[in-house]
Amino acid sequence: MHNLFYILAIAAICAAIWGTVASILIMNFLDKRGIKTPFWLFRLYVFRNIVRYKKITSEESGRPGELYYHSACAFNAALVLALAALAVRFVFG
């Protein structure tokens, strides 16, 4: 069961990295549109930037941009995988 825990934990970390990269790309997109985010406040503005990105791309093309789905899927996957890893750890200990 320790192997399953490590597999889930590594998958959760990879999903979190995937979401972080998507969020940085969203921040870059917003910077080009004139919406600046101080890099040291990046962690505080992650979800606000995702919502702004969704709004801007929905207004332009009628549907959210690809990076919105990347960030939403990645952060949800990281949460689910981390909870599954914790469940495996404590249930099968």
C-alpha atoms as a PDB file:
ATOM      1  CA  MET A   1       0.000   0.000   0.000  1.00  0.00           C
ATOM      2  CA  HIS A   2       2.962   2.321   0.436  1.00  0.00           C
ATOM      3  CA  ASN A   3       3.554   2.163  -3.307  1.00  0.00           C
ATOM      4  CA  LEU A   4      -0.019   3.301  -3.986  1.00  0.00           C
ATOM      5  CA  PHE A   5       0.431   6.200  -1.567  1.00  0.00           C
ATOM      6  CA  TYR A   6       3.602   7.320  -3.321  1.00  0.00           C
ATOM      7  CA  ILE A   7       2.043   6.982  -6.756  1.00  0.00           C
ATOM      8  CA  LEU A   8      -0.955   9.104  -5.734  1.00  0.00           C
ATOM      9  CA  ALA A   9       1.231  11.677  -3.970  1.00  0.00           C
ATOM     10  CA  ILE A  10       3.544  12.051  -6.976  1.00  0.00           C
ATOM     11  CA  ALA A  11       0.531  12.333  -9.292  1.00  0.00           C
ATOM     12  CA  ALA A  12      -0.914  15.057  -7.039  1.00  0.00           C
ATOM     13  CA  ILE A  13       2.363  16.977  -7.135  1.00  0.00           C
ATOM     14  CA  CYS A  14       2.512  16.664 -10.931  1.00  0.00           C
ATOM     15  CA  ALA A  15      -1.072  17.931 -11.230  1.00  0.00           C
ATOM     16  CA  ALA A  16      -0.250  20.886  -8.963  1.00  0.00           C
ATOM     17  CA  ILE A  17       2.760  21.734 -11.136  1.00  0.00           C
ATOM     18  CA  TRP A  18       0.565  21.451 -14.239  1.00  0.00           C
ATOM     19  CA  GLY A  19      -1.926  23.901 -12.676  1.00  0.00           C
ATOM     20  CA  THR A  20       0.836  26.279 -11.685  1.00  0.00           C
ATOM     21  CA  VAL A  21       2.243  26.348 -15.210  1.00  0.00           C
ATOM     22  CA  ALA A  22      -1.251  26.973 -16.621  1.00  0.00           C
ATOM     23  CA  SER A  23      -1.731  29.789 -14.090  1.00  0.00           C
ATOM     24  CA  ILE A  24       1.559  31.406 -15.076  1.00  0.00           C
ATOM     25  CA  LEU A  25       0.494  31.264 -18.726  1.00  0.00           C
ATOM     26  CA  ILE A  26      -2.838  32.846 -17.746  1.00  0.00           C
ATOM     27  CA  MET A  27      -0.950  35.583 -15.890  1.00  0.00           C
ATOM     28  CA  ASN A  28       1.140  36.177 -19.020  1.00  0.00           C
ATOM     29  CA  PHE A  29      -2.039  36.386 -21.137  1.00  0.00           C
ATOM     30  CA  LEU A  30      -3.551  38.923 -18.746  1.00  0.00           C
ATOM     31  CA  ASP A  31      -0.331  40.958 -18.648  1.00  0.00           C
ATOM     32  CA  LYS A  32      -0.508  41.292 -22.436  1.00  0.00           C
ATOM     33  CA  ARG A  33      -4.089  42.566 -22.041  1.00  0.00           C
ATOM     34  CA  GLY A  34      -3.019  45.234 -19.563  1.00  0.00           C
ATOM     35  CA  ILE A  35      -4.034  43.457 -16.350  1.00  0.00           C
ATOM     36  CA  LYS A  36      -0.830  43.346 -14.338  1.00  0.00           C
ATOM     37  CA  THR A  37      -0.242  40.934 -11.457  1.00  0.00           C
ATOM     38  CA  PRO A  38       2.763  41.480  -9.191  1.00  0.00           C
ATOM     39  CA  PHE A  39       4.738  38.241  -9.262  1.00  0.00           C
ATOM     40  CA  TRP A  40       5.193  38.131  -5.480  1.00  0.00           C
ATOM     41  CA  LEU A  41       1.379  38.235  -5.113  1.00  0.00           C
ATOM     42  CA  PHE A  42       0.895  35.480  -7.690  1.00  0.00           C
ATOM     43  CA  ARG A  43      -0.295  32.923  -5.142  1.00  0.00           C
ATOM     44  CA  LEU A  44      -2.958  35.278  -3.812  1.00  0.00           C
ATOM     45  CA  TYR A  45      -4.306  36.145  -7.264  1.00  0.00           C
ATOM     46  CA  VAL A  46      -4.293  32.712  -8.909  1.00  0.00           C
ATOM     47  CA  PHE A  47      -8.024  32.069  -8.794  1.00  0.00           C
ATOM     48  CA  ARG A  48      -8.911  35.704  -9.485  1.00  0.00           C
ATOM     49  CA  ASN A  49      -6.751  35.568 -12.613  1.00  0.00           C
ATOM     50  CA  ILE A  50      -8.405  32.337 -13.735  1.00  0.00           C
ATOM     51  CA  VAL A  51     -11.849  33.937 -13.440  1.00  0.00           C
ATOM     52  CA  ARG A  52     -10.680  37.041 -15.315  1.00  0.00           C
ATOM     53  CA  TYR A  53      -9.157  34.882 -18.055  1.00  0.00           C
ATOM     54  CA  LYS A  54     -12.407  32.965 -18.422  1.00  0.00           C
ATOM     55  CA  LYS A  55     -14.401  36.190 -18.650  1.00  0.00           C
ATOM     56  CA  ILE A  56     -12.106  37.782 -21.256  1.00  0.00           C
ATOM     57  CA  THR A  57     -11.861  34.712 -23.475  1.00  0.00           C
ATOM     58  CA  SER A  58     -15.602  34.068 -23.201  1.00  0.00           C
ATOM     59  CA  GLU A  59     -16.317  37.619 -24.350  1.00  0.00           C
ATOM     60  CA  GLU A  60     -13.907  37.298 -27.272  1.00  0.00           C
ATOM     61  CA  SER A  61     -14.766  33.849 -28.604  1.00  0.00           C
ATOM     62  CA  GLY A  62     -17.971  32.830 -26.856  1.00  0.00           C
ATOM     63  CA  ARG A  63     -16.320  30.135 -24.746  1.00  0.00           C
ATOM     64  CA  PRO A  64     -13.511  29.940 -22.184  1.00  0.00           C
ATOM     65  CA  GLY A  65      -9.957  29.560 -23.452  1.00  0.00           C
ATOM     66  CA  GLU A  66      -7.944  26.352 -23.266  1.00  0.00           C
ATOM     67  CA  LEU A  67      -5.872  27.481 -20.303  1.00  0.00           C
ATOM     68  CA  TYR A  68      -9.028  27.774 -18.211  1.00  0.00           C
ATOM     69  CA  TYR A  69      -9.720  24.070 -18.649  1.00  0.00           C
ATOM     70  CA  HIS A  70      -6.080  23.199 -18.027  1.00  0.00           C
ATOM     71  CA  SER A  71      -6.011  25.065 -14.730  1.00  0.00           C
ATOM     72  CA  ALA A  72      -9.433  23.870 -13.565  1.00  0.00           C
ATOM     73  CA  CYS A  73      -8.696  20.223 -14.345  1.00  0.00           C
ATOM     74  CA  ALA A  74      -5.209  20.362 -12.889  1.00  0.00           C
ATOM     75  CA  PHE A  75      -6.190  21.913  -9.565  1.00  0.00           C
ATOM     76  CA  ASN A  76      -9.188  19.590  -9.178  1.00  0.00           C
ATOM     77  CA  ALA A  77      -7.036  16.568 -10.010  1.00  0.00           C
ATOM     78  CA  ALA A  78      -4.398  17.682  -7.500  1.00  0.00           C
ATOM     79  CA  LEU A  79      -7.035  17.985  -4.788  1.00  0.00           C
ATOM     80  CA  VAL A  80      -8.618  14.602  -5.510  1.00  0.00           C
ATOM     81  CA  LEU A  81      -5.285  12.808  -5.799  1.00  0.00           C
ATOM     82  CA  ALA A  82      -3.961  14.352  -2.594  1.00  0.00           C
ATOM     83  CA  LEU A  83      -7.107  13.349  -0.702  1.00  0.00           C
ATOM     84  CA  ALA A  84      -6.880   9.839  -2.138  1.00  0.00           C
ATOM     85  CA  ALA A  85      -3.242   9.601  -1.084  1.00  0.00           C
ATOM     86  CA  LEU A  86      -4.131  10.705   2.440  1.00  0.00           C
ATOM     87  CA  ALA A  87      -6.996   8.215   2.563  1.00  0.00           C
ATOM     88  CA  VAL A  88      -4.709   5.386   1.487  1.00  0.00           C
ATOM     89  CA  ARG A  89      -2.124   6.475   4.026  1.00  0.00           C
ATOM     90  CA  PHE A  90      -4.505   6.591   6.989  1.00  0.00           C
ATOM     91  CA  VAL A  91      -6.843   3.723   6.110  1.00  0.00           C
ATOM     92  CA  PHE A  92      -4.206   1.201   5.094  1.00  0.00           C
ATOM     93  CA  GLY A  93      -1.426   2.860   7.092  1.00  0.00           C
END
